[in-house]
Amino acid sequence: MPQELAKARIQILEGHRAGEHVDVLFNPTEYSLELSNNFQASAPPGLSNPILQFVNGNSQTLGMDLFFDTWTDGGRDDVSQLTDLLAGLVKIDAETHAPPRVEFRWGRLIFKAVIEKLSQRFTMFLSDGTPVRATVNVSFKQFKPLAEQLIDPRRNSADKTKRRVIASDDSIWLLANREYGNPRDWRLIARQNGIADPRAIRPGDVLVVPPLDEKTKGPAQ
């Protein structure tokens, strides 16, 4: 038996339209997935290139073109009646006071997101100007609630080894306070970096900040 063609669908997860879905008339011919990170550049004197410090990750984005056509099936209805169902998901919902979360599902791809941006391009019209064919470019931005993110390991926390660049007004005590929440844990950083005199560090020095556990954690202030 021939395998049944999976149809792409956009499910609305919240708001006054929760439970509804928008069917994609024609599956996309391609889509793109994009990942990116934010880095802070620090330029210590005397170096030819800045030192990059990881700040945080960005939400993954899913982009595609969706094709809508009411001419081919003979209906010749205003195609914007279909595209407006999708465009409405960019608008603020009266119940949530924000655009609703949606789920794009196509085969094995399940992507929970909000629609970040959407553009409609109408390409065919009846003699009276009624649009009957359109291409909608849509960009989904992955959306994870705070409770879900807290389940995942924190990427920029005291349980991960990191590298930090010392600024002009910085000290190892301030660094320990920022990273561990206690300036008394500066000795752990000093041992990791072979620092005998904590006052000897200079702006531009790169220090390794090791993980902190209960055995090495100093007493609270």
N, C-alpha and C. Protein backbone atom coordinates (compact mmCIF):
# COMPACT_ATOMS: atom_id res chain seq x y z
N MET A 1 0.84 -1.19 0.00
CA MET A 1 0.00 0.00 0.00
C MET A 1 0.88 1.25 0.00
N PRO A 2 0.50 2.29 -0.78
CA PRO A 2 1.28 3.52 -0.75
C PRO A 2 1.14 4.21 0.59
N GLN A 3 2.23 4.81 1.03
CA GLN A 3 2.23 5.49 2.32
C GLN A 3 1.41 6.78 2.24
N GLU A 4 0.57 7.01 3.24
CA GLU A 4 -0.25 8.19 3.26
C GLU A 4 0.61 9.43 3.48
N LEU A 5 0.35 10.48 2.69
CA LEU A 5 1.12 11.70 2.79
C LEU A 5 0.78 12.45 4.07
N ALA A 6 1.80 12.74 4.87
CA ALA A 6 1.59 13.50 6.10
C ALA A 6 1.37 14.96 5.76
N LYS A 7 0.36 15.56 6.35
CA LYS A 7 0.06 16.95 6.10
C LYS A 7 0.54 17.80 7.28
N ALA A 8 1.15 18.92 6.95
CA ALA A 8 1.61 19.85 7.98
C ALA A 8 0.41 20.55 8.59
N ARG A 9 0.52 20.84 9.89
CA ARG A 9 -0.59 21.46 10.61
C ARG A 9 -0.03 22.38 11.70
N ILE A 10 -0.70 23.49 11.94
CA ILE A 10 -0.34 24.41 13.00
C ILE A 10 -1.44 24.37 14.05
N GLN A 11 -1.12 23.83 15.22
CA GLN A 11 -2.08 23.69 16.31
C GLN A 11 -1.95 24.90 17.24
N ILE A 12 -3.08 25.48 17.63
CA ILE A 12 -3.08 26.62 18.55
C ILE A 12 -3.20 26.09 19.98
N LEU A 13 -2.25 26.45 20.83
CA LEU A 13 -2.15 25.84 22.16
C LEU A 13 -2.81 26.65 23.27
N GLU A 14 -3.05 27.94 23.06
CA GLU A 14 -3.60 28.76 24.14
C GLU A 14 -4.39 29.92 23.56
N GLY A 15 -5.05 30.64 24.46
CA GLY A 15 -5.83 31.78 24.02
C GLY A 15 -7.26 31.40 23.66
N HIS A 16 -8.01 32.33 23.12
CA HIS A 16 -9.42 32.07 22.83
C HIS A 16 -9.61 31.10 21.68
N ARG A 17 -8.53 30.85 20.90
CA ARG A 17 -8.60 29.87 19.80
C ARG A 17 -7.92 28.55 20.16
N ALA A 18 -7.63 28.34 21.43
CA ALA A 18 -6.94 27.11 21.85
C ALA A 18 -7.72 25.89 21.40
N GLY A 19 -7.00 24.91 20.87
CA GLY A 19 -7.63 23.69 20.36
C GLY A 19 -7.90 23.73 18.87
N GLU A 20 -7.93 24.92 18.29
CA GLU A 20 -8.12 25.02 16.84
C GLU A 20 -6.80 24.71 16.13
N HIS A 21 -6.89 24.49 14.85
CA HIS A 21 -5.68 24.27 14.07
C HIS A 21 -5.84 24.91 12.69
N VAL A 22 -4.72 25.22 12.10
CA VAL A 22 -4.68 25.76 10.74
C VAL A 22 -3.99 24.72 9.86
N ASP A 23 -4.73 24.17 8.92
CA ASP A 23 -4.15 23.18 8.02
C ASP A 23 -3.36 23.87 6.92
N VAL A 24 -2.20 23.34 6.63
CA VAL A 24 -1.39 23.83 5.52
C VAL A 24 -1.87 23.15 4.25
N LEU A 25 -2.32 23.94 3.27
CA LEU A 25 -2.89 23.35 2.06
C LEU A 25 -1.85 22.54 1.30
N PHE A 26 -0.65 23.07 1.21
CA PHE A 26 0.42 22.38 0.50
C PHE A 26 1.64 22.33 1.42
N ASN A 27 2.17 21.14 1.61
CA ASN A 27 3.34 21.00 2.47
C ASN A 27 4.50 21.85 1.93
N PRO A 28 5.30 22.43 2.81
CA PRO A 28 6.44 23.23 2.33
C PRO A 28 7.43 22.38 1.56
N THR A 29 8.07 22.99 0.59
CA THR A 29 9.09 22.27 -0.18
C THR A 29 10.41 22.19 0.58
N GLU A 30 10.57 23.09 1.54
CA GLU A 30 11.77 23.08 2.38
C GLU A 30 11.51 23.93 3.62
N TYR A 31 12.33 23.74 4.63
CA TYR A 31 12.29 24.61 5.80
C TYR A 31 13.69 24.73 6.36
N SER A 32 13.90 25.75 7.18
CA SER A 32 15.22 25.97 7.76
C SER A 32 15.11 26.03 9.28
N LEU A 33 16.11 25.49 9.96
CA LEU A 33 16.22 25.54 11.42
C LEU A 33 17.50 26.30 11.75
N GLU A 34 17.38 27.28 12.62
CA GLU A 34 18.53 28.13 12.95
C GLU A 34 18.75 28.17 14.45
N LEU A 35 20.02 28.02 14.84
CA LEU A 35 20.44 28.13 16.23
C LEU A 35 21.53 29.19 16.34
N SER A 36 21.52 29.95 17.42
CA SER A 36 22.55 30.96 17.62
C SER A 36 22.79 31.17 19.10
N ASN A 37 23.93 31.78 19.42
CA ASN A 37 24.30 32.12 20.79
C ASN A 37 24.71 33.58 20.87
N ASN A 38 24.64 34.14 22.06
CA ASN A 38 25.12 35.49 22.32
C ASN A 38 26.45 35.41 23.04
N PHE A 39 27.42 36.18 22.53
CA PHE A 39 28.74 36.26 23.16
C PHE A 39 29.07 37.71 23.43
N GLN A 40 29.75 37.95 24.54
CA GLN A 40 30.22 39.29 24.87
C GLN A 40 31.71 39.37 24.56
N ALA A 41 32.09 40.38 23.80
CA ALA A 41 33.49 40.55 23.42
C ALA A 41 34.19 41.48 24.40
N SER A 42 35.34 41.03 24.89
CA SER A 42 36.17 41.85 25.76
C SER A 42 37.53 42.01 25.10
N ALA A 43 38.02 43.24 25.02
CA ALA A 43 39.26 43.51 24.31
C ALA A 43 40.35 43.99 25.27
N PRO A 44 41.07 43.07 25.93
CA PRO A 44 42.17 43.48 26.81
C PRO A 44 43.28 44.15 26.00
N PRO A 45 43.97 45.12 26.58
CA PRO A 45 45.07 45.78 25.87
C PRO A 45 46.17 44.79 25.49
N GLY A 46 46.69 44.98 24.28
CA GLY A 46 47.82 44.18 23.84
C GLY A 46 47.47 42.93 23.06
N LEU A 47 46.19 42.59 22.94
CA LEU A 47 45.79 41.40 22.18
C LEU A 47 45.26 41.81 20.82
N SER A 48 45.52 40.97 19.81
CA SER A 48 45.09 41.28 18.45
C SER A 48 43.61 40.98 18.22
N ASN A 49 43.04 40.10 19.05
CA ASN A 49 41.63 39.74 18.90
C ASN A 49 40.94 39.82 20.26
N PRO A 50 39.66 40.18 20.25
CA PRO A 50 38.93 40.21 21.53
C PRO A 50 38.71 38.81 22.07
N ILE A 51 38.49 38.72 23.37
CA ILE A 51 38.16 37.45 24.01
C ILE A 51 36.65 37.35 24.11
N LEU A 52 36.10 36.26 23.62
CA LEU A 52 34.66 36.07 23.62
C LEU A 52 34.22 35.31 24.86
N GLN A 53 33.18 35.81 25.49
CA GLN A 53 32.63 35.17 26.68
C GLN A 53 31.18 34.82 26.42
N PHE A 54 30.82 33.57 26.60
CA PHE A 54 29.45 33.13 26.36
C PHE A 54 28.49 33.80 27.35
N VAL A 55 27.38 34.31 26.82
CA VAL A 55 26.37 34.96 27.65
C VAL A 55 25.14 34.07 27.79
N ASN A 56 24.52 33.75 26.70
CA ASN A 56 23.34 32.89 26.75
C ASN A 56 23.01 32.40 25.34
N GLY A 57 22.18 31.39 25.28
CA GLY A 57 21.72 30.87 24.01
C GLY A 57 20.45 31.57 23.56
N ASN A 58 20.19 31.56 22.27
CA ASN A 58 18.97 32.11 21.71
C ASN A 58 18.00 30.98 21.39
N SER A 59 16.74 31.34 21.29
CA SER A 59 15.72 30.36 20.92
C SER A 59 15.94 29.90 19.49
N GLN A 60 15.68 28.63 19.25
CA GLN A 60 15.78 28.09 17.90
C GLN A 60 14.64 28.66 17.04
N THR A 61 14.92 28.90 15.77
CA THR A 61 13.90 29.41 14.87
C THR A 61 13.67 28.44 13.72
N LEU A 62 12.43 28.38 13.29
CA LEU A 62 12.02 27.53 12.18
C LEU A 62 11.40 28.43 11.12
N GLY A 63 11.90 28.40 9.91
CA GLY A 63 11.40 29.27 8.85
C GLY A 63 11.00 28.49 7.62
N MET A 64 9.97 28.98 6.93
CA MET A 64 9.48 28.30 5.73
C MET A 64 8.56 29.21 4.93
N ASP A 65 8.32 28.82 3.69
CA ASP A 65 7.30 29.44 2.84
C ASP A 65 6.12 28.48 2.73
N LEU A 66 4.90 29.00 2.93
CA LEU A 66 3.69 28.21 2.81
C LEU A 66 2.87 28.75 1.63
N PHE A 67 2.35 27.84 0.82
CA PHE A 67 1.66 28.20 -0.42
C PHE A 67 0.16 28.02 -0.24
N PHE A 68 -0.62 29.05 -0.63
CA PHE A 68 -2.07 29.01 -0.55
C PHE A 68 -2.65 29.32 -1.93
N ASP A 69 -3.65 28.53 -2.33
CA ASP A 69 -4.19 28.68 -3.68
C ASP A 69 -5.68 28.30 -3.68
N THR A 70 -6.54 29.24 -4.11
CA THR A 70 -7.97 28.93 -4.27
C THR A 70 -8.37 28.95 -5.75
N TRP A 71 -7.42 29.16 -6.63
CA TRP A 71 -7.70 29.17 -8.07
C TRP A 71 -7.73 27.77 -8.65
N THR A 72 -6.77 26.95 -8.26
CA THR A 72 -6.61 25.64 -8.87
C THR A 72 -7.81 24.75 -8.64
N ASP A 73 -8.41 24.81 -7.43
CA ASP A 73 -9.54 23.92 -7.14
C ASP A 73 -10.85 24.45 -7.71
N GLY A 74 -10.82 25.60 -8.39
CA GLY A 74 -12.02 26.13 -9.02
C GLY A 74 -12.89 26.96 -8.11
N GLY A 75 -12.55 27.01 -6.81
CA GLY A 75 -13.39 27.77 -5.89
C GLY A 75 -13.30 29.27 -6.10
N ARG A 76 -12.07 29.72 -6.39
CA ARG A 76 -11.81 31.13 -6.67
C ARG A 76 -12.28 32.06 -5.56
N ASP A 77 -12.20 31.57 -4.31
CA ASP A 77 -12.51 32.43 -3.18
C ASP A 77 -11.32 33.34 -2.89
N ASP A 78 -11.55 34.33 -2.07
CA ASP A 78 -10.49 35.24 -1.65
C ASP A 78 -9.50 34.45 -0.79
N VAL A 79 -8.28 34.29 -1.30
CA VAL A 79 -7.30 33.47 -0.59
C VAL A 79 -6.88 34.10 0.73
N SER A 80 -7.10 35.40 0.90
CA SER A 80 -6.71 36.04 2.16
C SER A 80 -7.55 35.53 3.32
N GLN A 81 -8.72 34.94 3.04
CA GLN A 81 -9.51 34.34 4.12
C GLN A 81 -8.76 33.19 4.76
N LEU A 82 -7.91 32.52 3.99
CA LEU A 82 -7.09 31.42 4.52
C LEU A 82 -5.81 31.96 5.17
N THR A 83 -5.17 32.89 4.50
CA THR A 83 -3.91 33.40 5.05
C THR A 83 -4.14 34.22 6.32
N ASP A 84 -5.33 34.85 6.42
CA ASP A 84 -5.62 35.63 7.63
C ASP A 84 -5.74 34.75 8.87
N LEU A 85 -6.12 33.49 8.70
CA LEU A 85 -6.18 32.57 9.83
C LEU A 85 -4.79 32.39 10.45
N LEU A 86 -3.79 32.39 9.58
CA LEU A 86 -2.42 32.25 10.04
C LEU A 86 -1.88 33.59 10.55
N ALA A 87 -2.18 34.66 9.83
CA ALA A 87 -1.70 35.99 10.23
C ALA A 87 -2.27 36.40 11.58
N GLY A 88 -3.45 35.91 11.92
CA GLY A 88 -4.05 36.25 13.20
C GLY A 88 -3.28 35.73 14.38
N LEU A 89 -2.40 34.75 14.16
CA LEU A 89 -1.63 34.17 15.25
C LEU A 89 -0.44 35.06 15.65
N VAL A 90 -0.20 36.13 14.90
CA VAL A 90 0.83 37.08 15.27
C VAL A 90 0.26 38.17 16.18
N LYS A 91 -1.04 38.31 16.17
CA LYS A 91 -1.69 39.37 16.94
C LYS A 91 -1.84 38.98 18.41
N ILE A 92 -2.00 39.99 19.26
CA ILE A 92 -2.14 39.76 20.70
C ILE A 92 -3.51 39.14 20.98
N ASP A 93 -3.49 38.06 21.73
CA ASP A 93 -4.73 37.39 22.11
C ASP A 93 -5.35 38.08 23.31
N ALA A 94 -6.68 38.21 23.31
CA ALA A 94 -7.37 38.93 24.38
C ALA A 94 -7.26 38.22 25.72
N GLU A 95 -7.12 36.90 25.71
CA GLU A 95 -7.06 36.15 26.97
C GLU A 95 -5.66 36.14 27.57
N THR A 96 -4.65 35.95 26.73
CA THR A 96 -3.28 35.82 27.24
C THR A 96 -2.51 37.13 27.19
N HIS A 97 -3.05 38.14 26.50
CA HIS A 97 -2.40 39.44 26.34
C HIS A 97 -1.04 39.30 25.67
N ALA A 98 -0.93 38.29 24.82
CA ALA A 98 0.28 38.04 24.05
C ALA A 98 -0.10 37.15 22.87
N PRO A 99 0.69 37.12 21.82
CA PRO A 99 0.41 36.16 20.74
C PRO A 99 0.41 34.74 21.29
N PRO A 100 -0.47 33.89 20.82
CA PRO A 100 -0.59 32.55 21.40
C PRO A 100 0.56 31.63 21.00
N ARG A 101 0.87 30.70 21.88
CA ARG A 101 1.81 29.64 21.53
C ARG A 101 1.15 28.67 20.57
N VAL A 102 1.94 28.15 19.64
CA VAL A 102 1.43 27.21 18.65
C VAL A 102 2.38 26.02 18.57
N GLU A 103 1.92 25.01 17.87
CA GLU A 103 2.76 23.84 17.61
C GLU A 103 2.70 23.52 16.13
N PHE A 104 3.86 23.59 15.47
CA PHE A 104 3.95 23.18 14.07
C PHE A 104 4.30 21.70 14.04
N ARG A 105 3.48 20.93 13.38
CA ARG A 105 3.69 19.48 13.34
C ARG A 105 3.67 19.00 11.90
N TRP A 106 4.72 18.32 11.51
CA TRP A 106 4.79 17.72 10.17
C TRP A 106 5.66 16.48 10.25
N GLY A 107 5.03 15.33 10.20
CA GLY A 107 5.77 14.09 10.34
C GLY A 107 6.46 14.02 11.69
N ARG A 108 7.78 13.86 11.68
CA ARG A 108 8.54 13.76 12.93
C ARG A 108 8.89 15.13 13.51
N LEU A 109 8.68 16.17 12.76
CA LEU A 109 8.99 17.51 13.25
C LEU A 109 7.85 18.04 14.10
N ILE A 110 8.12 18.27 15.37
CA ILE A 110 7.16 18.88 16.30
C ILE A 110 7.87 20.07 16.93
N PHE A 111 7.35 21.27 16.67
CA PHE A 111 8.04 22.49 17.05
C PHE A 111 7.07 23.41 17.77
N LYS A 112 7.23 23.56 19.09
CA LYS A 112 6.39 24.46 19.88
C LYS A 112 7.02 25.84 19.89
N ALA A 113 6.20 26.85 19.55
CA ALA A 113 6.79 28.15 19.30
C ALA A 113 5.73 29.24 19.37
N VAL A 114 6.18 30.46 19.16
CA VAL A 114 5.31 31.58 18.81
C VAL A 114 5.73 32.02 17.41
N ILE A 115 4.81 32.64 16.70
CA ILE A 115 5.15 33.14 15.37
C ILE A 115 5.81 34.50 15.55
N GLU A 116 7.09 34.56 15.20
CA GLU A 116 7.87 35.78 15.39
C GLU A 116 7.54 36.82 14.33
N LYS A 117 7.46 36.39 13.10
CA LYS A 117 7.12 37.32 12.02
C LYS A 117 6.48 36.55 10.87
N LEU A 118 5.71 37.28 10.08
CA LEU A 118 4.97 36.65 8.99
C LEU A 118 4.75 37.69 7.90
N SER A 119 4.98 37.30 6.66
CA SER A 119 4.73 38.21 5.54
C SER A 119 3.92 37.46 4.47
N GLN A 120 2.95 38.15 3.89
CA GLN A 120 2.08 37.58 2.86
C GLN A 120 2.41 38.23 1.51
N ARG A 121 2.57 37.40 0.49
CA ARG A 121 2.81 37.89 -0.86
C ARG A 121 1.74 37.31 -1.79
N PHE A 122 0.87 38.17 -2.31
CA PHE A 122 -0.22 37.73 -3.19
C PHE A 122 0.26 37.79 -4.63
N THR A 123 0.09 36.69 -5.35
CA THR A 123 0.73 36.56 -6.66
C THR A 123 -0.24 36.31 -7.81
N MET A 124 -1.53 36.14 -7.54
CA MET A 124 -2.50 35.93 -8.61
C MET A 124 -3.84 36.51 -8.19
N PHE A 125 -4.54 37.16 -9.15
CA PHE A 125 -5.76 37.89 -8.83
C PHE A 125 -6.83 37.63 -9.90
N LEU A 126 -8.09 37.72 -9.49
CA LEU A 126 -9.20 37.73 -10.44
C LEU A 126 -9.28 39.11 -11.09
N SER A 127 -10.14 39.21 -12.10
CA SER A 127 -10.26 40.48 -12.81
C SER A 127 -10.74 41.62 -11.91
N ASP A 128 -11.46 41.27 -10.84
CA ASP A 128 -11.93 42.31 -9.93
C ASP A 128 -10.93 42.62 -8.81
N GLY A 129 -9.74 42.01 -8.88
CA GLY A 129 -8.70 42.27 -7.90
C GLY A 129 -8.68 41.32 -6.72
N THR A 130 -9.59 40.34 -6.68
CA THR A 130 -9.61 39.37 -5.58
C THR A 130 -8.38 38.48 -5.64
N PRO A 131 -7.59 38.42 -4.59
CA PRO A 131 -6.41 37.55 -4.61
C PRO A 131 -6.81 36.08 -4.48
N VAL A 132 -6.20 35.23 -5.29
CA VAL A 132 -6.54 33.80 -5.28
C VAL A 132 -5.30 32.92 -5.10
N ARG A 133 -4.15 33.52 -4.98
CA ARG A 133 -2.93 32.74 -4.78
C ARG A 133 -1.96 33.58 -3.94
N ALA A 134 -1.34 32.94 -2.97
CA ALA A 134 -0.45 33.68 -2.07
C ALA A 134 0.64 32.77 -1.53
N THR A 135 1.76 33.38 -1.20
CA THR A 135 2.85 32.70 -0.50
C THR A 135 3.07 33.42 0.82
N VAL A 136 3.09 32.67 1.91
CA VAL A 136 3.27 33.24 3.23
C VAL A 136 4.61 32.78 3.78
N ASN A 137 5.48 33.74 4.05
CA ASN A 137 6.75 33.44 4.69
C ASN A 137 6.57 33.58 6.20
N VAL A 138 6.83 32.52 6.94
CA VAL A 138 6.58 32.53 8.37
C VAL A 138 7.82 32.07 9.13
N SER A 139 8.07 32.74 10.24
CA SER A 139 9.20 32.41 11.10
C SER A 139 8.67 32.07 12.49
N PHE A 140 8.91 30.84 12.93
CA PHE A 140 8.52 30.39 14.27
C PHE A 140 9.72 30.52 15.20
N LYS A 141 9.51 31.06 16.39
CA LYS A 141 10.56 31.12 17.41
C LYS A 141 10.19 30.18 18.54
N GLN A 142 11.09 29.26 18.83
CA GLN A 142 10.83 28.24 19.85
C GLN A 142 10.50 28.91 21.19
N PHE A 143 9.49 28.38 21.85
CA PHE A 143 9.04 28.94 23.12
C PHE A 143 9.03 27.83 24.16
N LYS A 144 9.81 28.03 25.24
CA LYS A 144 9.82 27.09 26.35
C LYS A 144 9.41 27.84 27.61
N PRO A 145 8.35 27.41 28.29
CA PRO A 145 7.97 28.05 29.56
C PRO A 145 9.09 27.95 30.57
N LEU A 146 9.09 28.85 31.55
CA LEU A 146 10.13 28.88 32.56
C LEU A 146 10.22 27.55 33.31
N ALA A 147 9.07 26.97 33.65
CA ALA A 147 9.08 25.70 34.40
C ALA A 147 9.79 24.61 33.61
N GLU A 148 9.62 24.61 32.30
CA GLU A 148 10.27 23.60 31.47
C GLU A 148 11.77 23.84 31.37
N GLN A 149 12.17 25.11 31.30
CA GLN A 149 13.59 25.40 31.21
C GLN A 149 14.33 25.07 32.50
N LEU A 150 13.64 25.21 33.64
CA LEU A 150 14.30 24.93 34.92
C LEU A 150 14.59 23.44 35.10
N ILE A 151 13.88 22.60 34.34
CA ILE A 151 14.14 21.16 34.41
C ILE A 151 15.48 20.84 33.77
N ASP A 152 15.83 21.58 32.70
CA ASP A 152 17.08 21.34 31.99
C ASP A 152 18.26 21.85 32.82
N PRO A 153 19.45 21.26 32.63
CA PRO A 153 20.63 21.78 33.34
C PRO A 153 20.92 23.20 32.90
N ARG A 154 21.26 24.06 33.85
CA ARG A 154 21.59 25.44 33.50
C ARG A 154 22.96 25.47 32.84
N ARG A 155 22.99 26.12 31.66
CA ARG A 155 24.23 26.15 30.89
C ARG A 155 25.26 27.13 31.46
N ASN A 156 24.78 28.14 32.18
CA ASN A 156 25.68 29.18 32.67
C ASN A 156 25.54 29.31 34.18
N SER A 157 25.88 28.24 34.90
CA SER A 157 25.69 28.21 36.34
C SER A 157 26.95 27.69 37.02
N ALA A 158 26.90 27.64 38.34
CA ALA A 158 28.08 27.27 39.10
C ALA A 158 28.42 25.79 38.99
N ASP A 159 27.63 24.99 38.29
CA ASP A 159 27.97 23.58 38.15
C ASP A 159 28.70 23.31 36.83
N LYS A 160 29.11 24.36 36.12
CA LYS A 160 29.82 24.22 34.86
C LYS A 160 31.12 25.02 34.92
N THR A 161 32.21 24.43 34.42
CA THR A 161 33.46 25.16 34.36
C THR A 161 33.35 26.27 33.32
N LYS A 162 33.81 27.48 33.69
CA LYS A 162 33.72 28.62 32.79
C LYS A 162 35.03 29.38 32.80
N ARG A 163 35.18 30.30 31.87
CA ARG A 163 36.32 31.21 31.82
C ARG A 163 35.80 32.64 31.87
N ARG A 164 36.45 33.45 32.68
CA ARG A 164 36.03 34.83 32.84
C ARG A 164 37.23 35.76 32.65
N VAL A 165 36.97 36.90 32.02
CA VAL A 165 38.01 37.91 31.79
C VAL A 165 37.89 38.96 32.89
N ILE A 166 39.00 39.27 33.53
CA ILE A 166 39.02 40.26 34.61
C ILE A 166 38.94 41.67 34.02
N ALA A 167 37.97 42.43 34.47
CA ALA A 167 37.82 43.82 34.03
C ALA A 167 38.68 44.74 34.89
N SER A 168 38.72 46.02 34.50
CA SER A 168 39.62 46.96 35.18
C SER A 168 39.22 47.20 36.64
N ASP A 169 37.94 47.11 36.95
CA ASP A 169 37.48 47.35 38.32
C ASP A 169 37.10 46.06 39.03
N ASP A 170 37.64 44.94 38.57
CA ASP A 170 37.24 43.63 39.10
C ASP A 170 38.27 43.11 40.10
N SER A 171 37.86 42.09 40.82
CA SER A 171 38.75 41.40 41.74
C SER A 171 38.30 39.95 41.83
N ILE A 172 39.16 39.11 42.37
CA ILE A 172 38.83 37.70 42.50
C ILE A 172 37.70 37.49 43.50
N TRP A 173 37.59 38.41 44.48
CA TRP A 173 36.51 38.31 45.46
C TRP A 173 35.16 38.63 44.81
N LEU A 174 35.15 39.67 43.97
CA LEU A 174 33.91 40.02 43.26
C LEU A 174 33.52 38.92 42.28
N LEU A 175 34.52 38.33 41.62
CA LEU A 175 34.25 37.24 40.70
C LEU A 175 33.61 36.05 41.42
N ALA A 176 34.16 35.71 42.60
CA ALA A 176 33.61 34.59 43.37
C ALA A 176 32.19 34.90 43.82
N ASN A 177 31.94 36.13 44.17
CA ASN A 177 30.59 36.52 44.60
C ASN A 177 29.60 36.42 43.45
N ARG A 178 30.02 36.83 42.24
CA ARG A 178 29.13 36.76 41.09
C ARG A 178 28.84 35.31 40.70
N GLU A 179 29.88 34.49 40.71
CA GLU A 179 29.73 33.13 40.20
C GLU A 179 29.14 32.17 41.23
N TYR A 180 29.54 32.35 42.50
CA TYR A 180 29.14 31.40 43.53
C TYR A 180 28.16 31.98 44.56
N GLY A 181 28.04 33.30 44.55
CA GLY A 181 27.18 33.93 45.54
C GLY A 181 27.85 34.13 46.89
N ASN A 182 29.16 33.93 46.95
CA ASN A 182 29.88 34.08 48.21
C ASN A 182 31.34 34.46 47.91
N PRO A 183 31.80 35.65 48.33
CA PRO A 183 33.18 36.05 48.03
C PRO A 183 34.23 35.18 48.71
N ARG A 184 33.83 34.45 49.77
CA ARG A 184 34.79 33.60 50.48
C ARG A 184 35.23 32.39 49.65
N ASP A 185 34.54 32.13 48.54
CA ASP A 185 34.93 31.00 47.69
C ASP A 185 36.00 31.38 46.68
N TRP A 186 36.67 32.53 46.88
CA TRP A 186 37.71 32.96 45.95
C TRP A 186 38.89 31.99 45.92
N ARG A 187 39.09 31.27 47.05
CA ARG A 187 40.22 30.35 47.11
C ARG A 187 40.10 29.22 46.09
N LEU A 188 38.88 28.82 45.80
CA LEU A 188 38.69 27.76 44.80
C LEU A 188 39.16 28.23 43.44
N ILE A 189 38.87 29.48 43.10
CA ILE A 189 39.33 30.03 41.82
C ILE A 189 40.85 30.18 41.84
N ALA A 190 41.37 30.64 42.98
CA ALA A 190 42.82 30.83 43.08
C ALA A 190 43.56 29.51 42.90
N ARG A 191 43.09 28.45 43.56
CA ARG A 191 43.74 27.14 43.42
C ARG A 191 43.68 26.64 41.99
N GLN A 192 42.54 26.82 41.35
CA GLN A 192 42.38 26.34 39.98
C GLN A 192 43.34 27.03 39.02
N ASN A 193 43.66 28.30 39.30
CA ASN A 193 44.50 29.07 38.39
C ASN A 193 45.93 29.26 38.88
N GLY A 194 46.27 28.61 39.99
CA GLY A 194 47.63 28.70 40.50
C GLY A 194 48.00 30.10 40.96
N ILE A 195 47.06 30.80 41.59
CA ILE A 195 47.28 32.17 42.03
C ILE A 195 47.69 32.16 43.50
N ALA A 196 48.91 32.63 43.78
CA ALA A 196 49.39 32.71 45.16
C ALA A 196 48.96 34.02 45.82
N ASP A 197 48.98 35.09 45.05
CA ASP A 197 48.60 36.41 45.57
C ASP A 197 47.36 36.89 44.81
N PRO A 198 46.19 36.88 45.44
CA PRO A 198 44.97 37.27 44.73
C PRO A 198 44.98 38.72 44.26
N ARG A 199 45.83 39.56 44.88
CA ARG A 199 45.91 40.97 44.46
C ARG A 199 46.78 41.15 43.22
N ALA A 200 47.40 40.07 42.78
CA ALA A 200 48.31 40.17 41.64
C ALA A 200 47.61 40.06 40.29
N ILE A 201 46.32 39.72 40.29
CA ILE A 201 45.63 39.59 39.00
C ILE A 201 45.47 40.98 38.39
N ARG A 202 45.47 41.02 37.05
CA ARG A 202 45.42 42.27 36.32
C ARG A 202 44.26 42.26 35.32
N PRO A 203 43.79 43.43 34.93
CA PRO A 203 42.75 43.49 33.89
C PRO A 203 43.21 42.78 32.62
N GLY A 204 42.29 41.98 32.06
CA GLY A 204 42.62 41.20 30.88
C GLY A 204 43.00 39.77 31.18
N ASP A 205 43.34 39.47 32.47
CA ASP A 205 43.64 38.09 32.84
C ASP A 205 42.39 37.22 32.64
N VAL A 206 42.61 36.02 32.15
CA VAL A 206 41.52 35.07 31.96
C VAL A 206 41.61 34.00 33.04
N LEU A 207 40.57 33.91 33.87
CA LEU A 207 40.56 32.95 34.97
C LEU A 207 39.55 31.84 34.70
N VAL A 208 39.95 30.63 35.03
CA VAL A 208 39.04 29.49 34.93
C VAL A 208 38.24 29.42 36.22
N VAL A 209 36.92 29.37 36.09
CA VAL A 209 36.03 29.27 37.24
C VAL A 209 35.53 27.83 37.31
N PRO A 210 36.00 27.03 38.24
CA PRO A 210 35.64 25.61 38.29
C PRO A 210 34.24 25.41 38.88
N PRO A 211 33.71 24.19 38.74
CA PRO A 211 32.41 23.90 39.35
C PRO A 211 32.48 24.02 40.86
N LEU A 212 31.34 24.30 41.46
CA LEU A 212 31.25 24.45 42.91
C LEU A 212 30.33 23.39 43.46
N ASP A 213 30.78 22.63 44.43
CA ASP A 213 29.92 21.66 45.08
C ASP A 213 29.90 21.94 46.58
N GLU A 214 29.12 21.19 47.30
CA GLU A 214 28.95 21.43 48.73
C GLU A 214 30.23 21.20 49.52
N LYS A 215 31.13 20.34 48.99
CA LYS A 215 32.36 20.04 49.72
C LYS A 215 33.33 21.22 49.69
N THR A 216 33.31 21.98 48.60
CA THR A 216 34.25 23.08 48.44
C THR A 216 33.64 24.41 48.74
N LYS A 217 32.33 24.47 48.95
CA LYS A 217 31.64 25.72 49.18
C LYS A 217 31.97 26.29 50.55
N GLY A 218 32.31 27.60 50.58
CA GLY A 218 32.63 28.25 51.84
C GLY A 218 31.39 28.59 52.63
N PRO A 219 31.54 29.00 53.90
CA PRO A 219 30.40 29.36 54.72
C PRO A 219 29.75 30.63 54.21
N ALA A 220 28.46 30.75 54.39
CA ALA A 220 27.74 31.93 53.96
C ALA A 220 28.12 33.12 54.83
N GLN A 221 27.99 34.30 54.22
CA GLN A 221 28.32 35.51 54.98
C GLN A 221 27.27 35.79 56.03
